[in-house]
Amino acid sequence: MCDAGVWYPLVVALTRRNGVLALMGIRRELGTSQYHTAEELEYIVRESQEGGLLRAEAGRVLQELFVFAELQASDAMVPASLDGLPLGAGPDELRAVS
């Protein structure tokens, strides 16, 4: 049986960000070119859905998220009418409200 300490450096190297790629000589630099705008993401979702790589339900949910992100709280609010009763209200007061 091998001592766990022998494997520790290898485990750390492989679990660090891009450790496997670094072992193969690939250096991955993060830049703004790896990020997408909301419009690009919408396009990717639509194309993936049309190409059959994304189920219709999943595509619809993702498209609705893009629309929802543009809403203000007032757009999602629904007017409500509430009636209140005083604490300890009796049967006569309850009937008057209904």
PDB file of N, CA and C in Angstrom:
ATOM      1  N   MET A   1       0.849  -1.166   0.000  1.00  0.00           N
ATOM      2  CA  MET A   1       0.000   0.000   0.000  1.00  0.00           C
ATOM      3  C   MET A   1       0.897   1.233   0.000  1.00  0.00           C
ATOM      4  N   CYS A   2       0.585   2.226  -0.829  1.00  0.00           N
ATOM      5  CA  CYS A   2       1.387   3.447  -0.941  1.00  0.00           C
ATOM      6  C   CYS A   2       0.950   4.458   0.098  1.00  0.00           C
ATOM      7  N   ASP A   3       1.899   5.254   0.517  1.00  0.00           N
ATOM      8  CA  ASP A   3       1.615   6.324   1.459  1.00  0.00           C
ATOM      9  C   ASP A   3       0.866   7.438   0.725  1.00  0.00           C
ATOM     10  N   ALA A   4      -0.200   7.954   1.332  1.00  0.00           N
ATOM     11  CA  ALA A   4      -1.007   9.001   0.705  1.00  0.00           C
ATOM     12  C   ALA A   4      -0.186  10.251   0.446  1.00  0.00           C
ATOM     13  N   GLY A   5       0.816  10.508   1.257  1.00  0.00           N
ATOM     14  CA  GLY A   5       1.649  11.700   1.084  1.00  0.00           C
ATOM     15  C   GLY A   5       2.425  11.698  -0.218  1.00  0.00           C
ATOM     16  N   VAL A   6       2.705  10.530  -0.759  1.00  0.00           N
ATOM     17  CA  VAL A   6       3.437  10.430  -2.024  1.00  0.00           C
ATOM     18  C   VAL A   6       2.614  11.026  -3.166  1.00  0.00           C
ATOM     19  N   TRP A   7       1.310  10.808  -3.145  1.00  0.00           N
ATOM     20  CA  TRP A   7       0.430  11.263  -4.221  1.00  0.00           C
ATOM     21  C   TRP A   7      -0.060  12.693  -4.046  1.00  0.00           C
ATOM     22  N   TYR A   8       0.162  13.289  -2.890  1.00  0.00           N
ATOM     23  CA  TYR A   8      -0.369  14.622  -2.592  1.00  0.00           C
ATOM     24  C   TYR A   8       0.037  15.672  -3.637  1.00  0.00           C
ATOM     25  N   PRO A   9       1.318  15.796  -4.019  1.00  0.00           N
ATOM     26  CA  PRO A   9       1.678  16.816  -5.021  1.00  0.00           C
ATOM     27  C   PRO A   9       0.957  16.624  -6.355  1.00  0.00           C
ATOM     28  N   LEU A  10       0.793  15.383  -6.784  1.00  0.00           N
ATOM     29  CA  LEU A  10       0.099  15.127  -8.039  1.00  0.00           C
ATOM     30  C   LEU A  10      -1.375  15.510  -7.940  1.00  0.00           C
ATOM     31  N   VAL A  11      -1.999  15.137  -6.839  1.00  0.00           N
ATOM     32  CA  VAL A  11      -3.416  15.474  -6.641  1.00  0.00           C
ATOM     33  C   VAL A  11      -3.602  16.984  -6.633  1.00  0.00           C
ATOM     34  N   VAL A  12      -2.729  17.696  -5.938  1.00  0.00           N
ATOM     35  CA  VAL A  12      -2.826  19.168  -5.882  1.00  0.00           C
ATOM     36  C   VAL A  12      -2.648  19.756  -7.275  1.00  0.00           C
ATOM     37  N   ALA A  13      -1.668  19.270  -8.017  1.00  0.00           N
ATOM     38  CA  ALA A  13      -1.410  19.798  -9.361  1.00  0.00           C
ATOM     39  C   ALA A  13      -2.600  19.575 -10.290  1.00  0.00           C
ATOM     40  N   LEU A  14      -3.225  18.420 -10.193  1.00  0.00           N
ATOM     41  CA  LEU A  14      -4.346  18.112 -11.077  1.00  0.00           C
ATOM     42  C   LEU A  14      -5.637  18.812 -10.679  1.00  0.00           C
ATOM     43  N   THR A  15      -5.765  19.149  -9.418  1.00  0.00           N
ATOM     44  CA  THR A  15      -7.003  19.791  -8.991  1.00  0.00           C
ATOM     45  C   THR A  15      -6.927  21.307  -9.055  1.00  0.00           C
ATOM     46  N   ARG A  16      -5.768  21.852  -9.197  1.00  0.00           N
ATOM     47  CA  ARG A  16      -5.650  23.296  -9.381  1.00  0.00           C
ATOM     48  C   ARG A  16      -6.223  23.658 -10.741  1.00  0.00           C
ATOM     49  N   ARG A  17      -6.574  24.933 -10.873  1.00  0.00           N
ATOM     50  CA  ARG A  17      -7.169  25.389 -12.121  1.00  0.00           C
ATOM     51  C   ARG A  17      -6.258  25.073 -13.305  1.00  0.00           C
ATOM     52  N   ASN A  18      -6.805  24.366 -14.269  1.00  0.00           N
ATOM     53  CA  ASN A  18      -6.116  24.009 -15.506  1.00  0.00           C
ATOM     54  C   ASN A  18      -4.858  23.179 -15.277  1.00  0.00           C
ATOM     55  N   GLY A  19      -4.792  22.436 -14.184  1.00  0.00           N
ATOM     56  CA  GLY A  19      -3.619  21.623 -13.884  1.00  0.00           C
ATOM     57  C   GLY A  19      -3.303  20.602 -14.955  1.00  0.00           C
ATOM     58  N   VAL A  20      -4.320  19.925 -15.462  1.00  0.00           N
ATOM     59  CA  VAL A  20      -4.105  18.915 -16.495  1.00  0.00           C
ATOM     60  C   VAL A  20      -3.609  19.577 -17.773  1.00  0.00           C
ATOM     61  N   LEU A  21      -4.200  20.708 -18.127  1.00  0.00           N
ATOM     62  CA  LEU A  21      -3.758  21.410 -19.335  1.00  0.00           C
ATOM     63  C   LEU A  21      -2.313  21.872 -19.201  1.00  0.00           C
ATOM     64  N   ALA A  22      -1.946  22.351 -18.017  1.00  0.00           N
ATOM     65  CA  ALA A  22      -0.576  22.812 -17.796  1.00  0.00           C
ATOM     66  C   ALA A  22       0.410  21.659 -17.944  1.00  0.00           C
ATOM     67  N   LEU A  23       0.041  20.467 -17.497  1.00  0.00           N
ATOM     68  CA  LEU A  23       0.917  19.311 -17.662  1.00  0.00           C
ATOM     69  C   LEU A  23       1.152  18.988 -19.133  1.00  0.00           C
ATOM     70  N   MET A  24       0.173  19.305 -19.970  1.00  0.00           N
ATOM     71  CA  MET A  24       0.296  19.041 -21.405  1.00  0.00           C
ATOM     72  C   MET A  24       0.913  20.219 -22.146  1.00  0.00           C
ATOM     73  N   GLY A  25       1.315  21.265 -21.421  1.00  0.00           N
ATOM     74  CA  GLY A  25       1.950  22.415 -22.054  1.00  0.00           C
ATOM     75  C   GLY A  25       0.994  23.443 -22.595  1.00  0.00           C
ATOM     76  N   ILE A  26      -0.276  23.346 -22.237  1.00  0.00           N
ATOM     77  CA  ILE A  26      -1.272  24.295 -22.722  1.00  0.00           C
ATOM     78  C   ILE A  26      -1.488  25.355 -21.655  1.00  0.00           C
ATOM     79  N   ARG A  27      -1.281  26.589 -22.029  1.00  0.00           N
ATOM     80  CA  ARG A  27      -1.503  27.699 -21.100  1.00  0.00           C
ATOM     81  C   ARG A  27      -2.799  28.389 -21.494  1.00  0.00           C
ATOM     82  N   ARG A  28      -3.734  28.400 -20.595  1.00  0.00           N
ATOM     83  CA  ARG A  28      -5.043  28.992 -20.881  1.00  0.00           C
ATOM     84  C   ARG A  28      -5.130  30.333 -20.178  1.00  0.00           C
ATOM     85  N   GLU A  29      -5.220  31.366 -20.938  1.00  0.00           N
ATOM     86  CA  GLU A  29      -5.336  32.716 -20.394  1.00  0.00           C
ATOM     87  C   GLU A  29      -6.787  33.161 -20.534  1.00  0.00           C
ATOM     88  N   LEU A  30      -7.300  33.747 -19.476  1.00  0.00           N
ATOM     89  CA  LEU A  30      -8.667  34.260 -19.524  1.00  0.00           C
ATOM     90  C   LEU A  30      -8.645  35.684 -20.033  1.00  0.00           C
ATOM     91  N   GLY A  31      -9.533  35.969 -20.950  1.00  0.00           N
ATOM     92  CA  GLY A  31      -9.659  37.318 -21.480  1.00  0.00           C
ATOM     93  C   GLY A  31     -11.115  37.608 -21.768  1.00  0.00           C
ATOM     94  N   THR A  32     -11.389  38.819 -22.188  1.00  0.00           N
ATOM     95  CA  THR A  32     -12.781  39.189 -22.450  1.00  0.00           C
ATOM     96  C   THR A  32     -13.354  38.468 -23.656  1.00  0.00           C
ATOM     97  N   SER A  33     -12.498  37.903 -24.511  1.00  0.00           N
ATOM     98  CA  SER A  33     -13.011  37.202 -25.689  1.00  0.00           C
ATOM     99  C   SER A  33     -13.710  35.900 -25.317  1.00  0.00           C
ATOM    100  N   GLN A  34     -13.538  35.432 -24.089  1.00  0.00           N
ATOM    101  CA  GLN A  34     -14.166  34.179 -23.667  1.00  0.00           C
ATOM    102  C   GLN A  34     -15.535  34.400 -23.038  1.00  0.00           C
ATOM    103  N   TYR A  35     -15.986  35.635 -22.946  1.00  0.00           N
ATOM    104  CA  TYR A  35     -17.280  35.933 -22.366  1.00  0.00           C
ATOM    105  C   TYR A  35     -18.252  36.308 -23.477  1.00  0.00           C
ATOM    106  N   HIS A  36     -19.534  36.132 -23.208  1.00  0.00           N
ATOM    107  CA  HIS A  36     -20.557  36.417 -24.203  1.00  0.00           C
ATOM    108  C   HIS A  36     -21.515  37.473 -23.687  1.00  0.00           C
ATOM    109  N   THR A  37     -22.029  38.293 -24.594  1.00  0.00           N
ATOM    110  CA  THR A  37     -23.062  39.252 -24.248  1.00  0.00           C
ATOM    111  C   THR A  37     -24.399  38.517 -24.157  1.00  0.00           C
ATOM    112  N   ALA A  38     -25.389  39.188 -23.610  1.00  0.00           N
ATOM    113  CA  ALA A  38     -26.727  38.587 -23.506  1.00  0.00           C
ATOM    114  C   ALA A  38     -27.268  38.263 -24.897  1.00  0.00           C
ATOM    115  N   GLU A  39     -27.013  39.145 -25.855  1.00  0.00           N
ATOM    116  CA  GLU A  39     -27.495  38.909 -27.214  1.00  0.00           C
ATOM    117  C   GLU A  39     -26.830  37.671 -27.821  1.00  0.00           C
ATOM    118  N   GLU A  40     -25.528  37.513 -27.586  1.00  0.00           N
ATOM    119  CA  GLU A  40     -24.828  36.330 -28.095  1.00  0.00           C
ATOM    120  C   GLU A  40     -25.369  35.060 -27.455  1.00  0.00           C
ATOM    121  N   LEU A  41     -25.645  35.110 -26.149  1.00  0.00           N
ATOM    122  CA  LEU A  41     -26.191  33.939 -25.459  1.00  0.00           C
ATOM    123  C   LEU A  41     -27.570  33.583 -26.001  1.00  0.00           C
ATOM    124  N   GLU A  42     -28.393  34.595 -26.253  1.00  0.00           N
ATOM    125  CA  GLU A  42     -29.709  34.338 -26.829  1.00  0.00           C
ATOM    126  C   GLU A  42     -29.567  33.657 -28.194  1.00  0.00           C
ATOM    127  N   TYR A  43     -28.620  34.130 -28.985  1.00  0.00           N
ATOM    128  CA  TYR A  43     -28.375  33.538 -30.304  1.00  0.00           C
ATOM    129  C   TYR A  43     -27.915  32.090 -30.167  1.00  0.00           C
ATOM    130  N   ILE A  44     -27.005  31.836 -29.229  1.00  0.00           N
ATOM    131  CA  ILE A  44     -26.501  30.480 -29.012  1.00  0.00           C
ATOM    132  C   ILE A  44     -27.632  29.544 -28.594  1.00  0.00           C
ATOM    133  N   VAL A  45     -28.499  30.013 -27.705  1.00  0.00           N
ATOM    134  CA  VAL A  45     -29.635  29.200 -27.262  1.00  0.00           C
ATOM    135  C   VAL A  45     -30.558  28.902 -28.437  1.00  0.00           C
ATOM    136  N   ARG A  46     -30.872  29.931 -29.218  1.00  0.00           N
ATOM    137  CA  ARG A  46     -31.781  29.750 -30.354  1.00  0.00           C
ATOM    138  C   ARG A  46     -31.184  28.773 -31.377  1.00  0.00           C
ATOM    139  N   GLU A  47     -29.905  28.948 -31.701  1.00  0.00           N
ATOM    140  CA  GLU A  47     -29.254  28.053 -32.669  1.00  0.00           C
ATOM    141  C   GLU A  47     -29.159  26.621 -32.142  1.00  0.00           C
ATOM    142  N   SER A  48     -28.864  26.467 -30.862  1.00  0.00           N
ATOM    143  CA  SER A  48     -28.768  25.131 -30.267  1.00  0.00           C
ATOM    144  C   SER A  48     -30.122  24.437 -30.269  1.00  0.00           C
ATOM    145  N   GLN A  49     -31.160  25.217 -30.032  1.00  0.00           N
ATOM    146  CA  GLN A  49     -32.518  24.666 -30.035  1.00  0.00           C
ATOM    147  C   GLN A  49     -32.910  24.236 -31.453  1.00  0.00           C
ATOM    148  N   GLU A  50     -32.635  25.100 -32.426  1.00  0.00           N
ATOM    149  CA  GLU A  50     -32.977  24.785 -33.814  1.00  0.00           C
ATOM    150  C   GLU A  50     -32.159  23.617 -34.339  1.00  0.00           C
ATOM    151  N   GLY A  51     -30.926  23.471 -33.852  1.00  0.00           N
ATOM    152  CA  GLY A  51     -30.063  22.380 -34.296  1.00  0.00           C
ATOM    153  C   GLY A  51     -30.326  21.071 -33.582  1.00  0.00           C
ATOM    154  N   GLY A  52     -31.235  21.083 -32.618  1.00  0.00           N
ATOM    155  CA  GLY A  52     -31.596  19.865 -31.917  1.00  0.00           C
ATOM    156  C   GLY A  52     -30.667  19.507 -30.773  1.00  0.00           C
ATOM    157  N   LEU A  53     -29.753  20.407 -30.410  1.00  0.00           N
ATOM    158  CA  LEU A  53     -28.831  20.138 -29.309  1.00  0.00           C
ATOM    159  C   LEU A  53     -29.402  20.564 -27.966  1.00  0.00           C
ATOM    160  N   LEU A  54     -30.518  21.255 -27.994  1.00  0.00           N
ATOM    161  CA  LEU A  54     -31.162  21.741 -26.784  1.00  0.00           C
ATOM    162  C   LEU A  54     -32.645  21.452 -26.908  1.00  0.00           C
ATOM    163  N   ARG A  55     -33.194  20.773 -25.913  1.00  0.00           N
ATOM    164  CA  ARG A  55     -34.622  20.446 -25.959  1.00  0.00           C
ATOM    165  C   ARG A  55     -35.461  21.721 -25.988  1.00  0.00           C
ATOM    166  N   ALA A  56     -36.622  21.621 -26.597  1.00  0.00           N
ATOM    167  CA  ALA A  56     -37.499  22.778 -26.760  1.00  0.00           C
ATOM    168  C   ALA A  56     -37.846  23.416 -25.421  1.00  0.00           C
ATOM    169  N   GLU A  57     -38.138  22.586 -24.410  1.00  0.00           N
ATOM    170  CA  GLU A  57     -38.515  23.130 -23.102  1.00  0.00           C
ATOM    171  C   GLU A  57     -37.361  23.904 -22.477  1.00  0.00           C
ATOM    172  N   ALA A  58     -36.164  23.344 -22.567  1.00  0.00           N
ATOM    173  CA  ALA A  58     -34.996  23.999 -21.982  1.00  0.00           C
ATOM    174  C   ALA A  58     -34.712  25.310 -22.703  1.00  0.00           C
ATOM    175  N   GLY A  59     -34.827  25.317 -24.016  1.00  0.00           N
ATOM    176  CA  GLY A  59     -34.621  26.541 -24.786  1.00  0.00           C
ATOM    177  C   GLY A  59     -35.635  27.606 -24.432  1.00  0.00           C
ATOM    178  N   ARG A  60     -36.895  27.192 -24.250  1.00  0.00           N
ATOM    179  CA  ARG A  60     -37.946  28.153 -23.896  1.00  0.00           C
ATOM    180  C   ARG A  60     -37.664  28.770 -22.533  1.00  0.00           C
ATOM    181  N   VAL A  61     -37.258  27.953 -21.574  1.00  0.00           N
ATOM    182  CA  VAL A  61     -36.963  28.459 -20.230  1.00  0.00           C
ATOM    183  C   VAL A  61     -35.813  29.465 -20.285  1.00  0.00           C
ATOM    184  N   LEU A  62     -34.767  29.136 -21.022  1.00  0.00           N
ATOM    185  CA  LEU A  62     -33.624  30.049 -21.132  1.00  0.00           C
ATOM    186  C   LEU A  62     -34.018  31.351 -21.824  1.00  0.00           C
ATOM    187  N   GLN A  63     -34.822  31.271 -22.876  1.00  0.00           N
ATOM    188  CA  GLN A  63     -35.270  32.483 -23.564  1.00  0.00           C
ATOM    189  C   GLN A  63     -36.128  33.351 -22.645  1.00  0.00           C
ATOM    190  N   GLU A  64     -36.972  32.723 -21.833  1.00  0.00           N
ATOM    191  CA  GLU A  64     -37.793  33.481 -20.893  1.00  0.00           C
ATOM    192  C   GLU A  64     -36.937  34.148 -19.827  1.00  0.00           C
ATOM    193  N   LEU A  65     -35.814  33.538 -19.458  1.00  0.00           N
ATOM    194  CA  LEU A  65     -34.905  34.171 -18.497  1.00  0.00           C
ATOM    195  C   LEU A  65     -34.329  35.461 -19.049  1.00  0.00           C
ATOM    196  N   PHE A  66     -34.009  35.478 -20.327  1.00  0.00           N
ATOM    197  CA  PHE A  66     -33.488  36.707 -20.931  1.00  0.00           C
ATOM    198  C   PHE A  66     -34.535  37.809 -20.899  1.00  0.00           C
ATOM    199  N   VAL A  67     -35.786  37.461 -21.178  1.00  0.00           N
ATOM    200  CA  VAL A  67     -36.872  38.443 -21.132  1.00  0.00           C
ATOM    201  C   VAL A  67     -37.102  38.909 -19.699  1.00  0.00           C
ATOM    202  N   PHE A  68     -37.096  37.966 -18.757  1.00  0.00           N
ATOM    203  CA  PHE A  68     -37.331  38.294 -17.347  1.00  0.00           C
ATOM    204  C   PHE A  68     -36.258  39.243 -16.817  1.00  0.00           C
ATOM    205  N   ALA A  69     -35.034  39.068 -17.260  1.00  0.00           N
ATOM    206  CA  ALA A  69     -33.935  39.910 -16.782  1.00  0.00           C
ATOM    207  C   ALA A  69     -34.132  41.368 -17.151  1.00  0.00           C
ATOM    208  N   GLU A  70     -34.893  41.640 -18.190  1.00  0.00           N
ATOM    209  CA  GLU A  70     -35.131  43.014 -18.632  1.00  0.00           C
ATOM    210  C   GLU A  70     -36.300  43.676 -17.909  1.00  0.00           C
ATOM    211  N   LEU A  71     -37.065  42.920 -17.132  1.00  0.00           N
ATOM    212  CA  LEU A  71     -38.239  43.466 -16.449  1.00  0.00           C
ATOM    213  C   LEU A  71     -37.858  44.251 -15.207  1.00  0.00           C
ATOM    214  N   GLN A  72     -38.666  45.228 -14.915  1.00  0.00           N
ATOM    215  CA  GLN A  72     -38.572  45.958 -13.655  1.00  0.00           C
ATOM    216  C   GLN A  72     -39.528  45.294 -12.667  1.00  0.00           C
ATOM    217  N   ALA A  73     -39.339  45.536 -11.390  1.00  0.00           N
ATOM    218  CA  ALA A  73     -40.222  44.941 -10.380  1.00  0.00           C
ATOM    219  C   ALA A  73     -41.671  45.349 -10.629  1.00  0.00           C
ATOM    220  N   SER A  74     -41.880  46.584 -11.048  1.00  0.00           N
ATOM    221  CA  SER A  74     -43.248  47.053 -11.287  1.00  0.00           C
ATOM    222  C   SER A  74     -43.907  46.306 -12.443  1.00  0.00           C
ATOM    223  N   ASP A  75     -43.116  45.773 -13.388  1.00  0.00           N
ATOM    224  CA  ASP A  75     -43.678  44.998 -14.501  1.00  0.00           C
ATOM    225  C   ASP A  75     -44.220  43.657 -14.031  1.00  0.00           C
ATOM    226  N   ALA A  76     -43.631  43.111 -12.987  1.00  0.00           N
ATOM    227  CA  ALA A  76     -44.024  41.783 -12.509  1.00  0.00           C
ATOM    228  C   ALA A  76     -45.061  41.849 -11.400  1.00  0.00           C
ATOM    229  N   MET A  77     -45.268  43.014 -10.843  1.00  0.00           N
ATOM    230  CA  MET A  77     -46.202  43.142  -9.715  1.00  0.00           C
ATOM    231  C   MET A  77     -47.645  43.082 -10.202  1.00  0.00           C
ATOM    232  N   VAL A  78     -48.500  42.530  -9.377  1.00  0.00           N
ATOM    233  CA  VAL A  78     -49.919  42.425  -9.672  1.00  0.00           C
ATOM    234  C   VAL A  78     -50.678  43.199  -8.594  1.00  0.00           C
ATOM    235  N   PRO A  79     -51.587  44.087  -9.007  1.00  0.00           N
ATOM    236  CA  PRO A  79     -52.340  44.830  -7.996  1.00  0.00           C
ATOM    237  C   PRO A  79     -53.163  43.872  -7.126  1.00  0.00           C
ATOM    238  N   ALA A  80     -53.200  44.162  -5.862  1.00  0.00           N
ATOM    239  CA  ALA A  80     -53.954  43.314  -4.938  1.00  0.00           C
ATOM    240  C   ALA A  80     -54.819  44.191  -4.048  1.00  0.00           C
ATOM    241  N   SER A  81     -55.973  43.663  -3.703  1.00  0.00           N
ATOM    242  CA  SER A  81     -56.870  44.352  -2.791  1.00  0.00           C
ATOM    243  C   SER A  81     -56.980  43.496  -1.536  1.00  0.00           C
ATOM    244  N   LEU A  82     -56.654  44.071  -0.401  1.00  0.00           N
ATOM    245  CA  LEU A  82     -56.700  43.333   0.848  1.00  0.00           C
ATOM    246  C   LEU A  82     -57.654  43.999   1.823  1.00  0.00           C
ATOM    247  N   ASP A  83     -58.365  43.193   2.523  1.00  0.00           N
ATOM    248  CA  ASP A  83     -59.215  43.668   3.604  1.00  0.00           C
ATOM    249  C   ASP A  83     -58.633  43.136   4.903  1.00  0.00           C
ATOM    250  N   GLY A  84     -58.609  43.980   5.900  1.00  0.00           N
ATOM    251  CA  GLY A  84     -58.061  43.554   7.177  1.00  0.00           C
ATOM    252  C   GLY A  84     -59.127  43.480   8.255  1.00  0.00           C
ATOM    253  N   LEU A  85     -58.845  42.718   9.271  1.00  0.00           N
ATOM    254  CA  LEU A  85     -59.732  42.579  10.427  1.00  0.00           C
ATOM    255  C   LEU A  85     -58.938  42.890  11.680  1.00  0.00           C
ATOM    256  N   PRO A  86     -59.562  43.513  12.606  1.00  0.00           N
ATOM    257  CA  PRO A  86     -58.868  43.757  13.868  1.00  0.00           C
ATOM    258  C   PRO A  86     -58.649  42.445  14.616  1.00  0.00           C
ATOM    259  N   LEU A  87     -57.588  42.387  15.390  1.00  0.00           N
ATOM    260  CA  LEU A  87     -57.298  41.214  16.190  1.00  0.00           C
ATOM    261  C   LEU A  87     -58.465  40.973  17.155  1.00  0.00           C
ATOM    262  N   GLY A  88     -58.913  39.740  17.203  1.00  0.00           N
ATOM    263  CA  GLY A  88     -60.020  39.387  18.085  1.00  0.00           C
ATOM    264  C   GLY A  88     -61.387  39.723  17.506  1.00  0.00           C
ATOM    265  N   ALA A  89     -61.467  39.887  16.177  1.00  0.00           N
ATOM    266  CA  ALA A  89     -62.747  40.208  15.536  1.00  0.00           C
ATOM    267  C   ALA A  89     -63.755  39.104  15.784  1.00  0.00           C
ATOM    268  N   GLY A  90     -64.979  39.471  15.987  1.00  0.00           N
ATOM    269  CA  GLY A  90     -66.031  38.509  16.241  1.00  0.00           C
ATOM    270  C   GLY A  90     -66.748  38.104  14.970  1.00  0.00           C
ATOM    271  N   PRO A  91     -67.691  37.165  15.073  1.00  0.00           N
ATOM    272  CA  PRO A  91     -68.424  36.651  13.916  1.00  0.00           C
ATOM    273  C   PRO A  91     -69.154  37.740  13.132  1.00  0.00           C
ATOM    274  N   ASP A  92     -69.690  38.735  13.807  1.00  0.00           N
ATOM    275  CA  ASP A  92     -70.425  39.796  13.111  1.00  0.00           C
ATOM    276  C   ASP A  92     -69.485  40.612  12.226  1.00  0.00           C
ATOM    277  N   GLU A  93     -68.269  40.873  12.712  1.00  0.00           N
ATOM    278  CA  GLU A  93     -67.292  41.643  11.931  1.00  0.00           C
ATOM    279  C   GLU A  93     -66.811  40.806  10.732  1.00  0.00           C
ATOM    280  N   LEU A  94     -66.665  39.504  10.921  1.00  0.00           N
ATOM    281  CA  LEU A  94     -66.251  38.627   9.820  1.00  0.00           C
ATOM    282  C   LEU A  94     -67.302  38.620   8.712  1.00  0.00           C
ATOM    283  N   ARG A  95     -68.580  38.551   9.092  1.00  0.00           N
ATOM    284  CA  ARG A  95     -69.655  38.550   8.086  1.00  0.00           C
ATOM    285  C   ARG A  95     -69.723  39.879   7.358  1.00  0.00           C
ATOM    286  N   ALA A  96     -69.422  40.956   8.025  1.00  0.00           N
ATOM    287  CA  ALA A  96     -69.488  42.276   7.390  1.00  0.00           C
ATOM    288  C   ALA A  96     -68.432  42.433   6.306  1.00  0.00           C
ATOM    289  N   VAL A  97     -67.306  41.768   6.451  1.00  0.00           N
ATOM    290  CA  VAL A  97     -66.231  41.877   5.459  1.00  0.00           C
ATOM    291  C   VAL A  97     -66.516  41.032   4.232  1.00  0.00           C
ATOM    292  N   SER A  98     -67.125  39.860   4.380  1.00  0.00           N
ATOM    293  CA  SER A  98     -67.324  38.956   3.249  1.00  0.00           C
ATOM    294  C   SER A  98     -68.334  39.447   2.304  1.00  0.00           C
TER     295      SER A  98
END
